[in-house]
């Protein structure tokens, strides 16, 4: 493992190499718990707001004639929401793989 593994380095100086150590400046290392919270909290907030919006929308939609005529359709809503989550995670996994392979660095990967 490199000697600066796990340290935050300014990107403009990361490629400078060890020969220009005077230009190599490191950011202060944040505690692991702070980094974890900073990376995990924003997606949880967005997901929570999405769930609140979905609940508000379902509160309006359940009065539509199709749902009052066929009550069984309301039973399908949670199952369809679960399926949607599975599809999103599959897409996120594939995008993550392509991002790590470098396929998304240029527009050539989109052809």
N, C-alpha and C. Protein backbone atom coordinates (compact mmCIF):
# COMPACT_ATOMS: atom_id res chain seq x y z
N UNK A 1 0.84 -1.19 0.00
CA UNK A 1 0.00 0.00 0.00
C UNK A 1 0.88 1.24 0.00
N UNK A 2 0.45 2.29 -0.69
CA UNK A 2 1.23 3.53 -0.70
C UNK A 2 1.36 4.11 0.70
N UNK A 3 2.37 4.92 0.90
CA UNK A 3 2.61 5.47 2.23
C UNK A 3 1.54 6.49 2.64
N UNK A 4 0.86 7.12 1.68
CA UNK A 4 -0.17 8.10 2.04
C UNK A 4 -1.57 7.50 1.91
N UNK A 5 -1.69 6.21 2.05
CA UNK A 5 -2.98 5.54 1.93
C UNK A 5 -3.92 6.02 3.03
N UNK A 6 -5.09 6.45 2.67
CA UNK A 6 -6.07 6.90 3.63
C UNK A 6 -5.97 8.39 3.98
N UNK A 7 -4.99 9.09 3.41
CA UNK A 7 -4.85 10.50 3.68
C UNK A 7 -5.51 11.31 2.56
N UNK A 8 -5.99 12.47 2.90
CA UNK A 8 -6.57 13.35 1.91
C UNK A 8 -5.47 14.21 1.31
N UNK A 9 -5.38 14.21 -0.02
CA UNK A 9 -4.34 14.97 -0.71
C UNK A 9 -5.03 15.88 -1.72
N UNK A 10 -4.56 17.10 -1.85
CA UNK A 10 -5.11 18.00 -2.84
C UNK A 10 -4.87 17.42 -4.23
N UNK A 11 -5.90 17.35 -5.09
CA UNK A 11 -5.75 16.73 -6.40
C UNK A 11 -4.70 17.41 -7.28
N UNK A 12 -4.56 18.72 -7.18
CA UNK A 12 -3.61 19.41 -8.06
C UNK A 12 -2.16 19.06 -7.71
N UNK A 13 -1.91 18.58 -6.51
CA UNK A 13 -0.56 18.21 -6.11
C UNK A 13 -0.36 16.71 -6.03
N UNK A 14 -1.41 15.93 -6.26
CA UNK A 14 -1.30 14.48 -6.11
C UNK A 14 -0.39 13.87 -7.15
N UNK A 15 -0.36 14.42 -8.36
CA UNK A 15 0.45 13.84 -9.44
C UNK A 15 1.85 14.44 -9.50
N UNK A 16 2.19 15.32 -8.58
CA UNK A 16 3.47 16.01 -8.63
C UNK A 16 4.62 15.06 -8.34
N UNK A 17 4.41 14.03 -7.54
CA UNK A 17 5.46 13.07 -7.24
C UNK A 17 6.28 13.48 -6.04
N UNK A 18 7.13 12.57 -5.57
CA UNK A 18 7.91 12.85 -4.36
C UNK A 18 9.01 13.89 -4.58
N UNK A 19 9.41 14.14 -5.86
CA UNK A 19 10.50 15.08 -6.08
C UNK A 19 10.12 16.52 -5.75
N UNK A 20 8.84 16.84 -5.76
CA UNK A 20 8.41 18.20 -5.43
C UNK A 20 7.67 18.19 -4.10
N UNK A 21 8.34 17.74 -3.05
CA UNK A 21 7.70 17.60 -1.75
C UNK A 21 7.33 18.96 -1.15
N UNK A 22 7.98 20.04 -1.60
CA UNK A 22 7.63 21.36 -1.06
C UNK A 22 6.25 21.79 -1.57
N UNK A 23 5.85 21.33 -2.76
CA UNK A 23 4.54 21.68 -3.31
C UNK A 23 3.47 20.70 -2.86
N UNK A 24 3.85 19.63 -2.21
CA UNK A 24 2.92 18.59 -1.78
C UNK A 24 2.30 18.99 -0.45
N UNK A 25 1.00 19.32 -0.50
CA UNK A 25 0.33 19.76 0.72
C UNK A 25 -0.80 18.80 1.01
N UNK A 26 -0.90 18.39 2.24
CA UNK A 26 -1.93 17.46 2.65
C UNK A 26 -2.98 18.17 3.48
N UNK A 27 -4.21 17.77 3.29
CA UNK A 27 -5.29 18.28 4.11
C UNK A 27 -5.26 17.58 5.46
N UNK A 28 -5.76 18.22 6.50
CA UNK A 28 -5.81 17.52 7.80
C UNK A 28 -6.71 16.30 7.69
N UNK A 29 -6.31 15.22 8.31
CA UNK A 29 -7.05 13.97 8.23
C UNK A 29 -8.25 14.03 9.17
N UNK A 30 -9.43 13.80 8.61
CA UNK A 30 -10.66 13.82 9.40
C UNK A 30 -10.84 12.48 10.10
N UNK A 31 -11.44 12.48 11.27
CA UNK A 31 -11.71 11.20 11.93
C UNK A 31 -12.63 10.34 11.06
N UNK A 32 -12.48 9.03 11.16
CA UNK A 32 -13.26 8.12 10.33
C UNK A 32 -14.76 8.28 10.55
N UNK A 33 -15.18 8.53 11.78
CA UNK A 33 -16.60 8.66 12.05
C UNK A 33 -17.19 9.90 11.39
N UNK A 34 -16.43 10.99 11.36
CA UNK A 34 -16.89 12.22 10.71
C UNK A 34 -17.02 11.99 9.21
N UNK A 35 -16.05 11.33 8.61
CA UNK A 35 -16.09 11.03 7.19
C UNK A 35 -17.27 10.13 6.87
N UNK A 36 -17.50 9.14 7.70
CA UNK A 36 -18.61 8.22 7.47
C UNK A 36 -19.95 8.95 7.52
N UNK A 37 -20.13 9.80 8.51
CA UNK A 37 -21.38 10.55 8.63
C UNK A 37 -21.54 11.51 7.45
N UNK A 38 -20.46 12.15 7.04
CA UNK A 38 -20.53 13.10 5.92
C UNK A 38 -20.89 12.41 4.61
N UNK A 39 -20.52 11.16 4.45
CA UNK A 39 -20.82 10.43 3.22
C UNK A 39 -22.18 9.75 3.26
N UNK A 40 -22.64 9.34 4.43
CA UNK A 40 -23.86 8.56 4.54
C UNK A 40 -25.09 9.43 4.79
N UNK A 41 -24.95 10.51 5.52
CA UNK A 41 -26.10 11.30 5.93
C UNK A 41 -26.87 11.95 4.77
N UNK A 42 -26.20 12.60 3.81
CA UNK A 42 -26.97 13.23 2.72
C UNK A 42 -27.84 12.27 1.92
N UNK A 43 -27.36 11.08 1.53
CA UNK A 43 -28.27 10.16 0.82
C UNK A 43 -29.45 9.72 1.68
N UNK A 44 -29.24 9.56 2.98
CA UNK A 44 -30.36 9.18 3.86
C UNK A 44 -31.40 10.28 3.93
N UNK A 45 -30.95 11.54 3.95
CA UNK A 45 -31.89 12.66 3.98
C UNK A 45 -32.70 12.69 2.68
N UNK A 46 -32.02 12.53 1.55
CA UNK A 46 -32.71 12.53 0.26
C UNK A 46 -33.70 11.37 0.19
N UNK A 47 -33.29 10.19 0.63
CA UNK A 47 -34.19 9.03 0.61
C UNK A 47 -35.38 9.25 1.54
N UNK A 48 -35.15 9.83 2.69
CA UNK A 48 -36.25 10.11 3.61
C UNK A 48 -37.24 11.11 3.04
N UNK A 49 -36.73 12.16 2.41
CA UNK A 49 -37.63 13.12 1.77
C UNK A 49 -38.41 12.48 0.62
N UNK A 50 -37.77 11.57 -0.09
CA UNK A 50 -38.46 10.85 -1.16
C UNK A 50 -39.58 9.98 -0.62
N UNK A 51 -39.35 9.34 0.52
CA UNK A 51 -40.39 8.52 1.12
C UNK A 51 -41.56 9.37 1.62
N UNK A 52 -41.26 10.53 2.17
CA UNK A 52 -42.33 11.44 2.61
C UNK A 52 -43.14 11.90 1.41
N UNK A 53 -42.46 12.27 0.32
CA UNK A 53 -43.17 12.70 -0.89
C UNK A 53 -44.02 11.56 -1.46
N UNK A 54 -43.50 10.33 -1.43
CA UNK A 54 -44.27 9.19 -1.92
C UNK A 54 -45.51 8.96 -1.06
N UNK A 55 -45.39 9.12 0.24
CA UNK A 55 -46.54 8.97 1.14
C UNK A 55 -47.59 10.03 0.89
N UNK A 56 -47.15 11.27 0.68
CA UNK A 56 -48.10 12.35 0.38
C UNK A 56 -48.81 12.10 -0.95
N UNK A 57 -48.06 11.63 -1.93
CA UNK A 57 -48.65 11.33 -3.23
C UNK A 57 -49.65 10.18 -3.12
N UNK A 58 -49.31 9.14 -2.36
CA UNK A 58 -50.23 8.01 -2.19
C UNK A 58 -51.49 8.45 -1.44
N UNK A 59 -51.36 9.42 -0.54
CA UNK A 59 -52.53 9.94 0.15
C UNK A 59 -53.50 10.62 -0.78
N UNK A 60 -53.01 11.20 -1.86
CA UNK A 60 -53.88 11.83 -2.85
C UNK A 60 -54.40 10.80 -3.85
N UNK A 61 -53.52 9.90 -4.27
CA UNK A 61 -53.85 8.95 -5.34
C UNK A 61 -54.87 7.90 -4.89
N UNK A 62 -54.89 7.55 -3.62
CA UNK A 62 -55.78 6.46 -3.19
C UNK A 62 -57.26 6.82 -3.35
N UNK A 63 -57.55 8.08 -3.61
CA UNK A 63 -58.94 8.49 -3.85
C UNK A 63 -59.33 8.44 -5.33
N UNK A 64 -58.40 8.13 -6.21
CA UNK A 64 -58.71 8.05 -7.63
C UNK A 64 -59.70 6.92 -7.88
N UNK A 65 -60.53 7.05 -8.91
CA UNK A 65 -61.55 6.03 -9.18
C UNK A 65 -61.00 4.62 -9.39
N UNK A 66 -59.84 4.51 -10.00
CA UNK A 66 -59.29 3.17 -10.25
C UNK A 66 -58.98 2.45 -8.93
N UNK A 67 -58.53 3.19 -7.92
CA UNK A 67 -58.22 2.57 -6.63
C UNK A 67 -59.47 2.32 -5.80
N UNK A 68 -60.51 3.13 -5.98
CA UNK A 68 -61.74 2.88 -5.24
C UNK A 68 -62.54 1.74 -5.87
N UNK A 69 -62.45 1.56 -7.18
CA UNK A 69 -63.16 0.47 -7.86
C UNK A 69 -62.47 -0.87 -7.65
N UNK A 70 -61.14 -0.88 -7.71
CA UNK A 70 -60.37 -2.12 -7.55
C UNK A 70 -59.44 -1.93 -6.34
N UNK A 71 -59.93 -2.31 -5.16
CA UNK A 71 -59.16 -2.10 -3.92
C UNK A 71 -57.86 -2.88 -3.90
N UNK A 72 -57.78 -3.97 -4.66
CA UNK A 72 -56.58 -4.81 -4.65
C UNK A 72 -55.36 -4.09 -5.22
N UNK A 73 -55.58 -3.06 -6.01
CA UNK A 73 -54.44 -2.32 -6.57
C UNK A 73 -53.61 -1.65 -5.48
N UNK A 74 -54.25 -1.23 -4.39
CA UNK A 74 -53.49 -0.63 -3.30
C UNK A 74 -52.56 -1.65 -2.63
N UNK A 75 -52.93 -2.92 -2.68
CA UNK A 75 -52.08 -3.96 -2.11
C UNK A 75 -50.80 -4.12 -2.92
N UNK A 76 -50.86 -3.83 -4.22
CA UNK A 76 -49.69 -3.98 -5.08
C UNK A 76 -48.66 -2.86 -4.92
N UNK A 77 -49.07 -1.74 -4.36
CA UNK A 77 -48.17 -0.58 -4.28
C UNK A 77 -46.87 -0.89 -3.52
N UNK A 78 -46.92 -1.48 -2.31
CA UNK A 78 -45.65 -1.78 -1.62
C UNK A 78 -44.76 -2.76 -2.38
N UNK A 79 -45.38 -3.75 -3.01
CA UNK A 79 -44.58 -4.72 -3.78
C UNK A 79 -43.89 -4.03 -4.96
N UNK A 80 -44.59 -3.14 -5.63
CA UNK A 80 -43.99 -2.43 -6.75
C UNK A 80 -42.91 -1.46 -6.29
N UNK A 81 -43.09 -0.85 -5.13
CA UNK A 81 -42.05 0.02 -4.59
C UNK A 81 -40.80 -0.78 -4.24
N UNK A 82 -40.97 -1.99 -3.71
CA UNK A 82 -39.84 -2.85 -3.43
C UNK A 82 -39.10 -3.27 -4.68
N UNK A 83 -39.84 -3.55 -5.74
CA UNK A 83 -39.23 -3.91 -7.01
C UNK A 83 -38.44 -2.74 -7.57
N UNK A 84 -38.97 -1.54 -7.41
CA UNK A 84 -38.29 -0.34 -7.88
C UNK A 84 -36.93 -0.19 -7.18
N UNK A 85 -36.89 -0.47 -5.89
CA UNK A 85 -35.63 -0.38 -5.16
C UNK A 85 -34.61 -1.39 -5.66
N UNK A 86 -35.07 -2.59 -5.99
CA UNK A 86 -34.15 -3.60 -6.51
C UNK A 86 -33.57 -3.16 -7.85
N UNK A 87 -34.39 -2.58 -8.69
CA UNK A 87 -33.91 -2.11 -9.99
C UNK A 87 -32.93 -0.96 -9.84
N UNK A 88 -33.19 -0.07 -8.89
CA UNK A 88 -32.27 1.05 -8.67
C UNK A 88 -30.91 0.56 -8.17
N UNK A 89 -30.92 -0.41 -7.28
CA UNK A 89 -29.65 -0.92 -6.76
C UNK A 89 -28.86 -1.66 -7.85
N UNK A 90 -29.56 -2.35 -8.74
CA UNK A 90 -28.87 -3.01 -9.85
C UNK A 90 -28.23 -1.97 -10.75
N UNK A 91 -28.95 -0.91 -11.06
CA UNK A 91 -28.40 0.16 -11.90
C UNK A 91 -27.22 0.83 -11.19
N UNK A 92 -27.35 1.10 -9.91
CA UNK A 92 -26.25 1.74 -9.16
C UNK A 92 -25.02 0.84 -9.15
N UNK A 93 -25.21 -0.45 -9.00
CA UNK A 93 -24.09 -1.38 -9.00
C UNK A 93 -23.37 -1.38 -10.35
N UNK A 94 -24.14 -1.41 -11.42
CA UNK A 94 -23.52 -1.41 -12.75
C UNK A 94 -22.81 -0.10 -13.05
N UNK A 95 -23.43 1.03 -12.64
CA UNK A 95 -22.77 2.32 -12.85
C UNK A 95 -21.48 2.42 -12.04
N UNK A 96 -21.52 1.90 -10.80
CA UNK A 96 -20.32 1.91 -9.97
C UNK A 96 -19.20 1.09 -10.58
N UNK A 97 -19.54 -0.06 -11.15
CA UNK A 97 -18.53 -0.90 -11.80
C UNK A 97 -17.91 -0.16 -12.98
N UNK A 98 -18.74 0.44 -13.81
CA UNK A 98 -18.21 1.16 -14.97
C UNK A 98 -17.41 2.39 -14.56
N UNK A 99 -17.81 3.05 -13.48
CA UNK A 99 -17.04 4.20 -13.00
C UNK A 99 -15.66 3.76 -12.52
N UNK A 100 -15.58 2.63 -11.82
CA UNK A 100 -14.29 2.14 -11.33
C UNK A 100 -13.40 1.64 -12.46
N UNK A 101 -14.02 1.15 -13.54
CA UNK A 101 -13.24 0.69 -14.69
C UNK A 101 -12.76 1.86 -15.55
N UNK A 102 -13.31 3.06 -15.31
CA UNK A 102 -12.92 4.23 -16.08
C UNK A 102 -13.73 4.41 -17.35
N UNK A 103 -14.79 3.62 -17.53
CA UNK A 103 -15.60 3.73 -18.74
C UNK A 103 -16.37 5.03 -18.81
N UNK A 104 -16.58 5.70 -17.69
CA UNK A 104 -17.37 6.93 -17.67
C UNK A 104 -16.51 8.18 -17.68
N UNK A 105 -15.19 8.01 -17.82
CA UNK A 105 -14.30 9.17 -17.83
C UNK A 105 -14.43 9.99 -19.10
N UNK A 106 -14.75 9.33 -20.21
CA UNK A 106 -14.92 10.02 -21.48
C UNK A 106 -16.24 9.58 -22.09
N UNK A 107 -16.64 10.27 -23.13
CA UNK A 107 -17.88 9.92 -23.81
C UNK A 107 -17.72 8.65 -24.66
N UNK A 108 -16.50 8.14 -24.83
CA UNK A 108 -16.30 6.93 -25.60
C UNK A 108 -16.98 5.72 -24.97
N UNK A 109 -17.14 5.75 -23.64
CA UNK A 109 -17.79 4.64 -22.95
C UNK A 109 -19.28 4.57 -23.18
N UNK A 110 -19.87 5.63 -23.71
CA UNK A 110 -21.30 5.66 -23.91
C UNK A 110 -21.73 5.16 -25.28
N UNK A 111 -20.77 4.86 -26.15
CA UNK A 111 -21.11 4.41 -27.51
C UNK A 111 -21.58 2.99 -27.52
